N, C-alpha and C. Protein backbone atom coordinates (compact mmCIF):
# COMPACT_ATOMS: atom_id res chain seq x y z
N MET A 1 -15.19 -152.65 1.26
CA MET A 1 -16.17 -152.14 2.21
C MET A 1 -16.86 -153.32 2.89
N THR A 2 -16.73 -153.42 4.19
CA THR A 2 -17.34 -154.54 4.90
C THR A 2 -18.70 -154.13 5.44
N GLN A 3 -19.56 -155.15 5.59
CA GLN A 3 -20.91 -154.91 6.11
C GLN A 3 -20.84 -154.39 7.55
N ALA A 4 -19.76 -154.73 8.27
CA ALA A 4 -19.63 -154.36 9.67
C ALA A 4 -19.19 -152.90 9.87
N SER A 5 -18.80 -152.21 8.78
CA SER A 5 -18.34 -150.83 8.90
C SER A 5 -19.42 -149.95 9.52
N SER A 6 -19.02 -149.13 10.48
CA SER A 6 -19.97 -148.21 11.10
C SER A 6 -20.28 -147.09 10.13
N ILE A 7 -21.55 -146.71 10.04
CA ILE A 7 -21.93 -145.66 9.10
C ILE A 7 -21.28 -144.33 9.47
N LYS A 8 -21.03 -144.11 10.76
CA LYS A 8 -20.41 -142.83 11.15
C LYS A 8 -18.98 -142.71 10.63
N ASP A 9 -18.35 -143.85 10.30
CA ASP A 9 -17.02 -143.82 9.71
C ASP A 9 -17.07 -143.51 8.21
N ARG A 10 -18.28 -143.50 7.66
CA ARG A 10 -18.44 -143.27 6.22
C ARG A 10 -19.01 -141.89 5.90
N VAL A 11 -19.21 -141.05 6.95
CA VAL A 11 -19.79 -139.71 6.74
C VAL A 11 -18.86 -138.67 7.36
N ARG A 12 -18.47 -137.69 6.55
CA ARG A 12 -17.66 -136.57 7.04
C ARG A 12 -18.41 -135.28 6.74
N ILE A 13 -18.96 -134.67 7.77
CA ILE A 13 -19.72 -133.43 7.58
C ILE A 13 -18.76 -132.28 7.34
N LYS A 14 -19.01 -131.52 6.27
CA LYS A 14 -18.12 -130.43 5.88
C LYS A 14 -18.70 -129.06 6.24
N GLN A 15 -20.01 -128.90 6.03
CA GLN A 15 -20.62 -127.58 6.27
C GLN A 15 -22.09 -127.76 6.60
N VAL A 16 -22.56 -127.00 7.60
CA VAL A 16 -23.97 -127.00 7.96
C VAL A 16 -24.47 -125.56 7.94
N GLU A 17 -25.53 -125.34 7.18
CA GLU A 17 -26.11 -124.01 7.06
C GLU A 17 -27.57 -124.06 7.52
N VAL A 18 -27.96 -123.19 8.45
CA VAL A 18 -29.35 -123.11 8.89
C VAL A 18 -30.11 -122.25 7.89
N LEU A 19 -31.08 -122.86 7.21
CA LEU A 19 -31.89 -122.14 6.22
C LEU A 19 -33.08 -121.46 6.87
N SER A 20 -33.60 -122.06 7.93
CA SER A 20 -34.75 -121.48 8.64
C SER A 20 -34.81 -122.04 10.04
N ASP A 21 -35.12 -121.18 11.01
CA ASP A 21 -35.42 -121.65 12.36
C ASP A 21 -36.66 -120.92 12.88
N ASN A 22 -37.55 -120.60 11.93
CA ASN A 22 -38.76 -119.85 12.26
C ASN A 22 -39.74 -120.66 13.09
N TRP A 23 -39.92 -121.93 12.73
CA TRP A 23 -40.85 -122.80 13.47
C TRP A 23 -40.05 -123.95 14.07
N TYR A 24 -39.51 -124.80 13.19
CA TYR A 24 -38.52 -125.79 13.59
C TYR A 24 -37.26 -125.46 12.81
N ILE A 25 -36.32 -126.40 12.67
CA ILE A 25 -35.03 -126.05 12.07
C ILE A 25 -34.81 -126.78 10.75
N LEU A 26 -34.61 -125.99 9.71
CA LEU A 26 -34.29 -126.53 8.39
C LEU A 26 -32.81 -126.26 8.12
N ARG A 27 -32.05 -127.34 7.92
CA ARG A 27 -30.61 -127.22 7.70
C ARG A 27 -30.23 -127.75 6.32
N LYS A 28 -29.21 -127.14 5.74
CA LYS A 28 -28.59 -127.64 4.51
C LYS A 28 -27.19 -128.11 4.90
N THR A 29 -26.92 -129.38 4.67
CA THR A 29 -25.65 -129.96 5.08
C THR A 29 -24.90 -130.49 3.86
N THR A 30 -23.62 -130.14 3.77
CA THR A 30 -22.73 -130.68 2.75
C THR A 30 -21.80 -131.67 3.44
N TYR A 31 -21.69 -132.86 2.89
CA TYR A 31 -20.87 -133.89 3.53
C TYR A 31 -20.26 -134.81 2.48
N ASP A 32 -19.19 -135.48 2.88
CA ASP A 32 -18.58 -136.51 2.05
C ASP A 32 -19.11 -137.86 2.53
N TYR A 33 -19.43 -138.74 1.57
CA TYR A 33 -19.96 -140.06 1.91
C TYR A 33 -19.13 -141.13 1.21
N LEU A 34 -18.68 -142.13 1.96
CA LEU A 34 -17.90 -143.23 1.43
C LEU A 34 -18.83 -144.32 0.92
N GLY A 35 -18.86 -144.50 -0.39
CA GLY A 35 -19.74 -145.48 -1.01
C GLY A 35 -19.23 -146.90 -0.89
N ARG A 36 -20.05 -147.84 -1.32
CA ARG A 36 -19.69 -149.26 -1.27
C ARG A 36 -18.50 -149.57 -2.17
N ASN A 37 -18.31 -148.70 -3.16
CA ASN A 37 -17.19 -148.92 -4.08
C ASN A 37 -15.86 -148.41 -3.54
N GLY A 38 -15.87 -147.89 -2.29
CA GLY A 38 -14.66 -147.38 -1.67
C GLY A 38 -14.30 -145.96 -2.05
N GLN A 39 -15.17 -145.29 -2.82
CA GLN A 39 -14.93 -143.92 -3.26
C GLN A 39 -15.71 -142.92 -2.40
N TRP A 40 -15.05 -141.80 -2.08
CA TRP A 40 -15.72 -140.71 -1.37
C TRP A 40 -16.37 -139.80 -2.41
N ARG A 41 -17.56 -139.29 -2.10
CA ARG A 41 -18.16 -138.27 -2.96
C ARG A 41 -18.91 -137.25 -2.11
N GLU A 42 -18.96 -136.03 -2.61
CA GLU A 42 -19.61 -134.95 -1.88
C GLU A 42 -21.10 -134.92 -2.21
N LEU A 43 -21.90 -134.80 -1.16
CA LEU A 43 -23.35 -134.74 -1.31
C LEU A 43 -23.89 -133.56 -0.50
N THR A 44 -25.07 -133.09 -0.87
CA THR A 44 -25.76 -132.03 -0.13
C THR A 44 -27.19 -132.47 0.12
N ARG A 45 -27.66 -132.34 1.36
CA ARG A 45 -29.03 -132.69 1.72
C ARG A 45 -29.60 -131.62 2.64
N GLU A 46 -30.93 -131.46 2.58
CA GLU A 46 -31.64 -130.61 3.53
C GLU A 46 -32.39 -131.51 4.50
N THR A 47 -32.34 -131.16 5.78
CA THR A 47 -33.06 -131.92 6.80
C THR A 47 -33.92 -130.97 7.62
N TYR A 48 -35.12 -131.45 7.95
CA TYR A 48 -36.05 -130.67 8.75
C TYR A 48 -36.11 -131.32 10.12
N ASP A 49 -35.69 -130.58 11.14
CA ASP A 49 -35.62 -131.09 12.51
C ASP A 49 -36.74 -130.47 13.34
N ARG A 50 -37.74 -131.28 13.65
CA ARG A 50 -38.85 -130.81 14.48
C ARG A 50 -38.90 -131.54 15.82
N GLY A 51 -37.82 -132.26 16.12
CA GLY A 51 -37.80 -133.05 17.34
C GLY A 51 -38.44 -134.40 17.11
N ASN A 52 -38.43 -135.24 18.13
CA ASN A 52 -39.04 -136.57 18.06
C ASN A 52 -40.44 -136.53 18.64
N GLY A 53 -41.21 -137.58 18.35
CA GLY A 53 -42.61 -137.58 18.78
C GLY A 53 -43.04 -138.93 19.32
N ALA A 54 -44.30 -138.97 19.75
CA ALA A 54 -44.91 -140.20 20.24
C ALA A 54 -46.36 -140.24 19.80
N THR A 55 -46.88 -141.45 19.60
CA THR A 55 -48.27 -141.63 19.21
C THR A 55 -48.82 -142.87 19.90
N ILE A 56 -50.14 -142.92 20.08
CA ILE A 56 -50.74 -144.05 20.79
C ILE A 56 -52.08 -144.42 20.18
N LEU A 57 -52.34 -145.73 20.13
CA LEU A 57 -53.67 -146.23 19.79
C LEU A 57 -54.33 -146.66 21.09
N LEU A 58 -55.41 -145.97 21.45
CA LEU A 58 -56.22 -146.36 22.60
C LEU A 58 -57.23 -147.39 22.12
N TYR A 59 -57.36 -148.50 22.87
CA TYR A 59 -58.29 -149.55 22.46
C TYR A 59 -59.05 -150.08 23.67
N SER A 60 -60.27 -150.54 23.43
CA SER A 60 -61.10 -151.12 24.48
C SER A 60 -61.47 -152.55 24.09
N LYS A 61 -60.98 -153.51 24.87
CA LYS A 61 -61.36 -154.90 24.63
C LYS A 61 -62.84 -155.10 24.92
N ALA A 62 -63.33 -154.45 25.97
CA ALA A 62 -64.72 -154.63 26.39
C ALA A 62 -65.69 -154.16 25.31
N LYS A 63 -65.37 -153.04 24.66
CA LYS A 63 -66.28 -152.47 23.66
C LYS A 63 -65.86 -152.76 22.22
N GLN A 64 -64.64 -153.35 22.05
CA GLN A 64 -64.12 -153.65 20.71
C GLN A 64 -63.96 -152.37 19.88
N THR A 65 -63.52 -151.31 20.56
CA THR A 65 -63.41 -150.01 19.90
C THR A 65 -62.01 -149.44 20.05
N VAL A 66 -61.74 -148.40 19.25
CA VAL A 66 -60.51 -147.63 19.35
C VAL A 66 -60.90 -146.15 19.43
N VAL A 67 -59.97 -145.35 19.97
CA VAL A 67 -60.18 -143.90 20.05
C VAL A 67 -59.19 -143.23 19.10
N LEU A 68 -59.73 -142.42 18.21
CA LEU A 68 -58.92 -141.65 17.27
C LEU A 68 -59.28 -140.18 17.40
N THR A 69 -58.53 -139.32 16.72
CA THR A 69 -58.81 -137.89 16.74
C THR A 69 -59.02 -137.40 15.31
N ARG A 70 -59.68 -136.25 15.18
CA ARG A 70 -59.87 -135.65 13.86
C ARG A 70 -59.59 -134.16 13.99
N GLN A 71 -58.72 -133.65 13.09
CA GLN A 71 -58.36 -132.23 13.15
C GLN A 71 -57.85 -131.75 11.80
N PHE A 72 -57.75 -130.43 11.66
CA PHE A 72 -57.22 -129.80 10.45
C PHE A 72 -55.71 -129.86 10.47
N ARG A 73 -55.12 -130.29 9.35
CA ARG A 73 -53.66 -130.33 9.20
C ARG A 73 -53.30 -129.55 7.94
N PHE A 74 -52.68 -128.39 8.12
CA PHE A 74 -52.38 -127.52 6.99
C PHE A 74 -51.49 -128.18 5.94
N PRO A 75 -50.39 -128.87 6.32
CA PRO A 75 -49.56 -129.51 5.28
C PRO A 75 -50.34 -130.51 4.42
N ALA A 76 -51.26 -131.26 5.03
CA ALA A 76 -52.08 -132.20 4.26
C ALA A 76 -53.02 -131.42 3.32
N PHE A 77 -53.55 -130.32 3.82
CA PHE A 77 -54.46 -129.49 3.02
C PHE A 77 -53.77 -128.96 1.76
N VAL A 78 -52.56 -128.41 1.92
CA VAL A 78 -51.88 -127.85 0.76
C VAL A 78 -51.38 -128.93 -0.21
N ASN A 79 -51.42 -130.19 0.23
CA ASN A 79 -51.06 -131.29 -0.67
C ASN A 79 -52.30 -132.01 -1.19
N GLY A 80 -53.45 -131.31 -1.16
CA GLY A 80 -54.64 -131.84 -1.81
C GLY A 80 -55.61 -132.59 -0.94
N HIS A 81 -55.41 -132.65 0.38
CA HIS A 81 -56.36 -133.35 1.25
C HIS A 81 -57.45 -132.36 1.67
N ASP A 82 -58.62 -132.52 1.09
CA ASP A 82 -59.72 -131.58 1.35
C ASP A 82 -60.62 -132.14 2.45
N GLY A 83 -60.13 -132.07 3.67
CA GLY A 83 -60.90 -132.56 4.80
C GLY A 83 -60.05 -132.56 6.04
N LEU A 84 -60.68 -132.93 7.15
CA LEU A 84 -59.94 -133.06 8.40
C LEU A 84 -59.24 -134.41 8.39
N LEU A 85 -58.12 -134.51 9.10
CA LEU A 85 -57.33 -135.73 9.12
C LEU A 85 -57.67 -136.56 10.36
N ILE A 86 -57.94 -137.85 10.14
CA ILE A 86 -58.20 -138.76 11.26
C ILE A 86 -56.88 -139.42 11.64
N GLU A 87 -56.56 -139.34 12.95
CA GLU A 87 -55.24 -139.79 13.42
C GLU A 87 -55.33 -140.46 14.78
N THR A 88 -54.28 -141.20 15.11
CA THR A 88 -54.06 -141.59 16.50
C THR A 88 -53.57 -140.36 17.25
N CYS A 89 -53.81 -140.31 18.53
CA CYS A 89 -53.33 -139.23 19.38
C CYS A 89 -51.81 -139.19 19.30
N ALA A 90 -51.23 -137.97 19.19
CA ALA A 90 -49.78 -137.86 19.03
C ALA A 90 -49.30 -136.48 19.44
N GLY A 91 -47.99 -136.38 19.67
CA GLY A 91 -47.39 -135.09 19.98
C GLY A 91 -45.88 -135.17 20.00
N LEU A 92 -45.26 -134.01 20.01
CA LEU A 92 -43.80 -133.94 20.09
C LEU A 92 -43.33 -134.14 21.52
N LEU A 93 -42.16 -134.76 21.67
CA LEU A 93 -41.65 -135.04 23.01
C LEU A 93 -41.29 -133.77 23.76
N ASP A 94 -40.82 -132.75 23.05
CA ASP A 94 -40.27 -131.55 23.69
C ASP A 94 -39.19 -132.00 24.67
N ASN A 95 -39.35 -131.75 25.96
CA ASN A 95 -38.32 -132.16 26.92
C ASN A 95 -38.72 -133.39 27.73
N ASP A 96 -39.82 -134.05 27.32
CA ASP A 96 -40.30 -135.22 28.06
C ASP A 96 -39.74 -136.51 27.47
N ASP A 97 -39.74 -137.57 28.27
CA ASP A 97 -39.47 -138.90 27.74
C ASP A 97 -40.73 -139.36 26.99
N PRO A 98 -40.62 -140.34 26.10
CA PRO A 98 -41.76 -140.74 25.28
C PRO A 98 -43.02 -141.12 26.07
N GLN A 99 -42.85 -141.87 27.17
CA GLN A 99 -44.03 -142.30 27.93
C GLN A 99 -44.73 -141.13 28.61
N THR A 100 -43.95 -140.22 29.19
CA THR A 100 -44.54 -139.02 29.81
C THR A 100 -45.27 -138.19 28.77
N CYS A 101 -44.64 -138.03 27.63
CA CYS A 101 -45.23 -137.26 26.54
C CYS A 101 -46.57 -137.84 26.11
N ILE A 102 -46.62 -139.15 25.87
CA ILE A 102 -47.85 -139.72 25.31
C ILE A 102 -48.96 -139.74 26.34
N ARG A 103 -48.64 -139.87 27.61
CA ARG A 103 -49.68 -139.77 28.64
C ARG A 103 -50.29 -138.37 28.67
N LYS A 104 -49.42 -137.36 28.57
CA LYS A 104 -49.87 -135.97 28.58
C LYS A 104 -50.72 -135.66 27.34
N GLU A 105 -50.23 -136.09 26.16
CA GLU A 105 -50.96 -135.83 24.92
C GLU A 105 -52.32 -136.54 24.93
N THR A 106 -52.35 -137.76 25.45
CA THR A 106 -53.60 -138.52 25.52
C THR A 106 -54.64 -137.77 26.34
N GLN A 107 -54.21 -137.24 27.48
CA GLN A 107 -55.14 -136.50 28.35
C GLN A 107 -55.60 -135.21 27.68
N GLU A 108 -54.65 -134.46 27.08
CA GLU A 108 -55.00 -133.18 26.44
C GLU A 108 -55.93 -133.38 25.25
N GLU A 109 -55.62 -134.37 24.40
CA GLU A 109 -56.36 -134.52 23.16
C GLU A 109 -57.65 -135.31 23.30
N THR A 110 -57.65 -136.36 24.12
CA THR A 110 -58.81 -137.25 24.19
C THR A 110 -59.59 -137.16 25.50
N GLY A 111 -58.96 -136.62 26.55
CA GLY A 111 -59.62 -136.57 27.85
C GLY A 111 -59.47 -137.84 28.67
N TYR A 112 -58.79 -138.86 28.11
CA TYR A 112 -58.59 -140.11 28.84
C TYR A 112 -57.28 -140.07 29.62
N VAL A 113 -57.34 -140.55 30.86
CA VAL A 113 -56.13 -140.75 31.66
C VAL A 113 -55.94 -142.26 31.75
N VAL A 114 -55.12 -142.80 30.85
CA VAL A 114 -54.95 -144.25 30.78
C VAL A 114 -53.93 -144.72 31.81
N GLN A 115 -54.19 -145.90 32.35
CA GLN A 115 -53.34 -146.43 33.42
C GLN A 115 -52.07 -147.07 32.87
N ASP A 116 -52.22 -147.87 31.83
CA ASP A 116 -51.08 -148.61 31.29
C ASP A 116 -50.89 -148.30 29.82
N VAL A 117 -49.70 -147.84 29.49
CA VAL A 117 -49.34 -147.65 28.07
C VAL A 117 -48.12 -148.53 27.80
N ARG A 118 -48.07 -149.09 26.60
CA ARG A 118 -46.99 -150.01 26.25
C ARG A 118 -46.38 -149.59 24.93
N LYS A 119 -45.06 -149.41 24.94
CA LYS A 119 -44.36 -149.07 23.70
C LYS A 119 -44.22 -150.33 22.85
N VAL A 120 -44.54 -150.20 21.54
CA VAL A 120 -44.49 -151.37 20.68
C VAL A 120 -43.39 -151.29 19.62
N PHE A 121 -43.02 -150.09 19.18
CA PHE A 121 -41.89 -149.93 18.26
C PHE A 121 -41.60 -148.45 18.05
N GLU A 122 -40.53 -148.18 17.30
CA GLU A 122 -40.16 -146.82 16.89
C GLU A 122 -40.02 -146.82 15.38
N ALA A 123 -40.21 -145.66 14.75
CA ALA A 123 -40.06 -145.58 13.30
C ALA A 123 -39.71 -144.17 12.86
N PHE A 124 -38.88 -144.08 11.81
CA PHE A 124 -38.67 -142.83 11.09
C PHE A 124 -39.76 -142.79 10.02
N MET A 125 -40.54 -141.71 9.99
CA MET A 125 -41.69 -141.66 9.09
C MET A 125 -41.38 -141.09 7.71
N SER A 126 -40.38 -140.22 7.64
CA SER A 126 -40.02 -139.64 6.34
C SER A 126 -38.51 -139.38 6.34
N PRO A 127 -37.71 -140.48 6.37
CA PRO A 127 -36.26 -140.35 6.61
C PRO A 127 -35.47 -139.69 5.49
N GLY A 128 -36.11 -139.43 4.35
CA GLY A 128 -35.40 -138.74 3.29
C GLY A 128 -35.21 -137.26 3.55
N SER A 129 -36.01 -136.70 4.47
CA SER A 129 -35.89 -135.26 4.72
C SER A 129 -36.18 -134.83 6.16
N VAL A 130 -36.92 -135.63 6.91
CA VAL A 130 -37.32 -135.24 8.26
C VAL A 130 -36.59 -136.12 9.28
N THR A 131 -36.00 -135.49 10.29
CA THR A 131 -35.20 -136.24 11.27
C THR A 131 -36.05 -136.97 12.30
N GLU A 132 -37.31 -136.64 12.41
CA GLU A 132 -38.18 -137.13 13.49
C GLU A 132 -38.25 -138.66 13.57
N ARG A 133 -38.09 -139.15 14.81
CA ARG A 133 -38.32 -140.56 15.14
C ARG A 133 -39.57 -140.59 16.01
N ILE A 134 -40.52 -141.45 15.66
CA ILE A 134 -41.77 -141.54 16.42
C ILE A 134 -41.77 -142.81 17.26
N HIS A 135 -42.16 -142.67 18.51
CA HIS A 135 -42.31 -143.78 19.44
C HIS A 135 -43.79 -144.18 19.45
N PHE A 136 -44.07 -145.45 19.13
CA PHE A 136 -45.44 -145.93 18.98
C PHE A 136 -45.87 -146.70 20.24
N PHE A 137 -47.06 -146.34 20.75
CA PHE A 137 -47.61 -146.96 21.95
C PHE A 137 -49.00 -147.50 21.69
N VAL A 138 -49.42 -148.44 22.53
CA VAL A 138 -50.81 -148.86 22.61
C VAL A 138 -51.21 -148.80 24.08
N GLY A 139 -52.49 -148.60 24.33
CA GLY A 139 -52.97 -148.55 25.70
C GLY A 139 -54.46 -148.85 25.77
N GLU A 140 -54.84 -149.72 26.70
CA GLU A 140 -56.25 -150.05 26.87
C GLU A 140 -56.92 -148.96 27.69
N TYR A 141 -58.11 -148.56 27.26
CA TYR A 141 -58.86 -147.54 27.99
C TYR A 141 -60.18 -148.11 28.48
N PHE A 142 -60.68 -147.48 29.52
CA PHE A 142 -61.97 -147.85 30.12
C PHE A 142 -62.80 -146.58 30.27
N ASP A 143 -64.11 -146.73 30.30
CA ASP A 143 -64.98 -145.56 30.37
C ASP A 143 -64.64 -144.66 31.55
N GLU A 144 -64.25 -145.27 32.67
CA GLU A 144 -63.95 -144.48 33.88
C GLU A 144 -62.66 -143.67 33.75
N ASP A 145 -61.86 -143.96 32.71
CA ASP A 145 -60.63 -143.20 32.47
C ASP A 145 -60.90 -141.83 31.86
N LYS A 146 -62.13 -141.61 31.39
CA LYS A 146 -62.46 -140.35 30.73
C LYS A 146 -62.66 -139.27 31.79
N GLN A 147 -61.72 -138.30 31.83
CA GLN A 147 -61.74 -137.26 32.85
C GLN A 147 -62.34 -135.95 32.35
N HIS A 148 -62.25 -135.71 31.04
CA HIS A 148 -62.84 -134.50 30.44
C HIS A 148 -63.02 -134.74 28.95
N GLU A 149 -63.51 -133.74 28.23
CA GLU A 149 -63.88 -133.91 26.83
C GLU A 149 -62.68 -133.99 25.87
N GLY A 150 -61.50 -133.55 26.32
CA GLY A 150 -60.36 -133.52 25.42
C GLY A 150 -60.47 -132.34 24.47
N GLY A 151 -59.89 -132.46 23.30
CA GLY A 151 -59.98 -131.40 22.31
C GLY A 151 -58.68 -130.66 22.07
N GLY A 152 -57.65 -130.94 22.88
CA GLY A 152 -56.36 -130.28 22.69
C GLY A 152 -56.27 -128.96 23.43
N LEU A 153 -55.18 -128.24 23.16
CA LEU A 153 -54.93 -126.97 23.84
C LEU A 153 -55.34 -125.80 22.95
N GLU A 154 -56.30 -125.03 23.42
CA GLU A 154 -56.78 -123.88 22.65
C GLU A 154 -55.66 -122.88 22.40
N ALA A 155 -54.75 -122.73 23.38
CA ALA A 155 -53.64 -121.78 23.24
C ALA A 155 -52.73 -122.14 22.07
N GLU A 156 -52.71 -123.42 21.67
CA GLU A 156 -51.88 -123.87 20.56
C GLU A 156 -52.69 -123.96 19.26
N GLY A 157 -53.92 -123.43 19.29
CA GLY A 157 -54.76 -123.43 18.10
C GLY A 157 -55.36 -124.78 17.76
N GLU A 158 -55.40 -125.69 18.75
CA GLU A 158 -55.90 -127.04 18.48
C GLU A 158 -57.43 -127.08 18.61
N GLU A 159 -58.07 -127.69 17.65
CA GLU A 159 -59.50 -127.99 17.68
C GLU A 159 -59.64 -129.46 17.30
N ILE A 160 -59.55 -130.31 18.30
CA ILE A 160 -59.48 -131.76 18.07
C ILE A 160 -60.79 -132.42 18.46
N GLU A 161 -61.33 -133.18 17.51
CA GLU A 161 -62.55 -133.95 17.77
C GLU A 161 -62.13 -135.37 18.15
N VAL A 162 -62.76 -135.92 19.18
CA VAL A 162 -62.45 -137.27 19.63
C VAL A 162 -63.45 -138.25 19.01
N LEU A 163 -62.93 -139.30 18.39
CA LEU A 163 -63.76 -140.31 17.73
C LEU A 163 -63.59 -141.66 18.42
N GLU A 164 -64.68 -142.36 18.63
CA GLU A 164 -64.62 -143.72 19.15
C GLU A 164 -65.37 -144.60 18.16
N MET A 165 -64.71 -145.67 17.70
CA MET A 165 -65.34 -146.53 16.68
C MET A 165 -64.80 -147.94 16.78
N PRO A 166 -65.54 -148.91 16.22
CA PRO A 166 -65.03 -150.28 16.18
C PRO A 166 -63.72 -150.36 15.38
N LEU A 167 -62.82 -151.23 15.80
CA LEU A 167 -61.55 -151.40 15.09
C LEU A 167 -61.79 -151.74 13.62
N ASP A 168 -62.72 -152.64 13.34
CA ASP A 168 -62.95 -153.04 11.96
C ASP A 168 -63.45 -151.87 11.11
N GLN A 169 -64.22 -150.97 11.70
CA GLN A 169 -64.65 -149.79 10.96
C GLN A 169 -63.45 -148.91 10.61
N ALA A 170 -62.55 -148.73 11.59
CA ALA A 170 -61.35 -147.92 11.34
C ALA A 170 -60.48 -148.54 10.25
N LEU A 171 -60.33 -149.87 10.29
CA LEU A 171 -59.56 -150.56 9.25
C LEU A 171 -60.21 -150.39 7.87
N GLY A 172 -61.53 -150.42 7.84
CA GLY A 172 -62.25 -150.20 6.59
C GLY A 172 -62.04 -148.80 6.05
N MET A 173 -61.84 -147.84 6.94
CA MET A 173 -61.63 -146.45 6.53
C MET A 173 -60.25 -146.25 5.90
N ILE A 174 -59.33 -147.18 6.15
CA ILE A 174 -58.05 -147.15 5.44
C ILE A 174 -58.31 -147.48 3.97
N GLU A 175 -59.14 -148.51 3.74
CA GLU A 175 -59.45 -148.94 2.37
C GLU A 175 -60.15 -147.84 1.58
N THR A 176 -61.03 -147.10 2.23
CA THR A 176 -61.80 -146.06 1.52
C THR A 176 -61.02 -144.76 1.38
N GLY A 177 -59.88 -144.65 2.09
CA GLY A 177 -59.11 -143.42 2.04
C GLY A 177 -59.51 -142.39 3.08
N GLU A 178 -60.49 -142.72 3.90
CA GLU A 178 -60.91 -141.79 4.97
C GLU A 178 -59.82 -141.66 6.03
N ILE A 179 -59.05 -142.73 6.24
CA ILE A 179 -57.88 -142.67 7.11
C ILE A 179 -56.66 -142.81 6.20
N CYS A 180 -55.84 -141.75 6.16
CA CYS A 180 -54.67 -141.76 5.26
C CYS A 180 -53.41 -141.25 5.96
N ASP A 181 -53.41 -141.29 7.28
CA ASP A 181 -52.25 -140.88 8.07
C ASP A 181 -51.40 -142.11 8.37
N GLY A 182 -50.10 -142.03 8.07
CA GLY A 182 -49.22 -143.18 8.17
C GLY A 182 -49.16 -143.82 9.55
N LYS A 183 -48.96 -143.00 10.58
CA LYS A 183 -48.80 -143.56 11.93
C LYS A 183 -50.08 -144.26 12.38
N THR A 184 -51.22 -143.72 11.96
CA THR A 184 -52.51 -144.29 12.34
C THR A 184 -52.72 -145.63 11.65
N ILE A 185 -52.40 -145.69 10.37
CA ILE A 185 -52.52 -146.95 9.63
C ILE A 185 -51.63 -148.02 10.27
N MET A 186 -50.41 -147.64 10.64
CA MET A 186 -49.48 -148.61 11.24
C MET A 186 -50.02 -149.16 12.55
N LEU A 187 -50.57 -148.29 13.40
CA LEU A 187 -51.06 -148.76 14.70
C LEU A 187 -52.35 -149.56 14.57
N LEU A 188 -53.23 -149.19 13.65
CA LEU A 188 -54.45 -149.98 13.44
C LEU A 188 -54.10 -151.36 12.92
N GLN A 189 -53.15 -151.44 12.00
CA GLN A 189 -52.73 -152.75 11.49
C GLN A 189 -52.02 -153.56 12.58
N TYR A 190 -51.24 -152.87 13.43
CA TYR A 190 -50.60 -153.55 14.56
C TYR A 190 -51.67 -154.18 15.47
N ALA A 191 -52.71 -153.41 15.74
CA ALA A 191 -53.79 -153.91 16.62
C ALA A 191 -54.44 -155.15 16.04
N LYS A 192 -54.66 -155.15 14.74
CA LYS A 192 -55.28 -156.31 14.09
C LYS A 192 -54.33 -157.51 14.07
N LEU A 193 -53.08 -157.26 13.68
CA LEU A 193 -52.10 -158.35 13.58
C LEU A 193 -51.83 -159.01 14.93
N HIS A 194 -51.79 -158.18 15.97
CA HIS A 194 -51.45 -158.69 17.30
C HIS A 194 -52.70 -158.97 18.15
N ARG A 195 -53.85 -158.90 17.53
CA ARG A 195 -55.13 -159.28 18.15
C ARG A 195 -55.33 -158.60 19.50
N LEU A 196 -55.11 -157.29 19.52
CA LEU A 196 -55.23 -156.55 20.79
C LEU A 196 -56.63 -156.58 21.36
N LEU A 197 -57.62 -156.68 20.51
CA LEU A 197 -59.00 -156.60 20.99
C LEU A 197 -59.62 -157.98 21.22
N ASP A 198 -58.83 -159.06 21.06
CA ASP A 198 -59.36 -160.41 21.30
C ASP A 198 -59.39 -160.72 22.79
């Protein structure tokens, strides 16, 4: 087995069964996988396909602040998180490209219409079971970019609170556990490492 072998040459899908398509799509797939030892073996995995997403950290050099959101997340609640979740603005791409999506989500959730957004990386957040790839952005905001209060779309059941705080305060909230969302932690650390607010 050579390191140069394409992974698609090592996977033979045998059967795909849709277990649920009530909200997003849960599939059970049986496939043969060629291991490093040169042997094929049959495996079964479930994957949850909810589409890809985008997220953004809004930051202000002038004020040394970032904009985050706070909302109820049922999956976090049933896994023992007794509180609202503090996050970077985010949403699913649906039929949009990542930049169009994140501009739209930023306006809906925070009320800011930012002029420049910059993609910094992509990541799979839970690759053992969820197919979603998230596109990560940063964007500088100014007070005049605030067009309305934000809060999300009421028709989608969103009740989003907009938070503005110093970057160092947000980083401190990671240490205390007040911020425990993966994408948010990654973007806050990116901002610090890359000195976005300097």
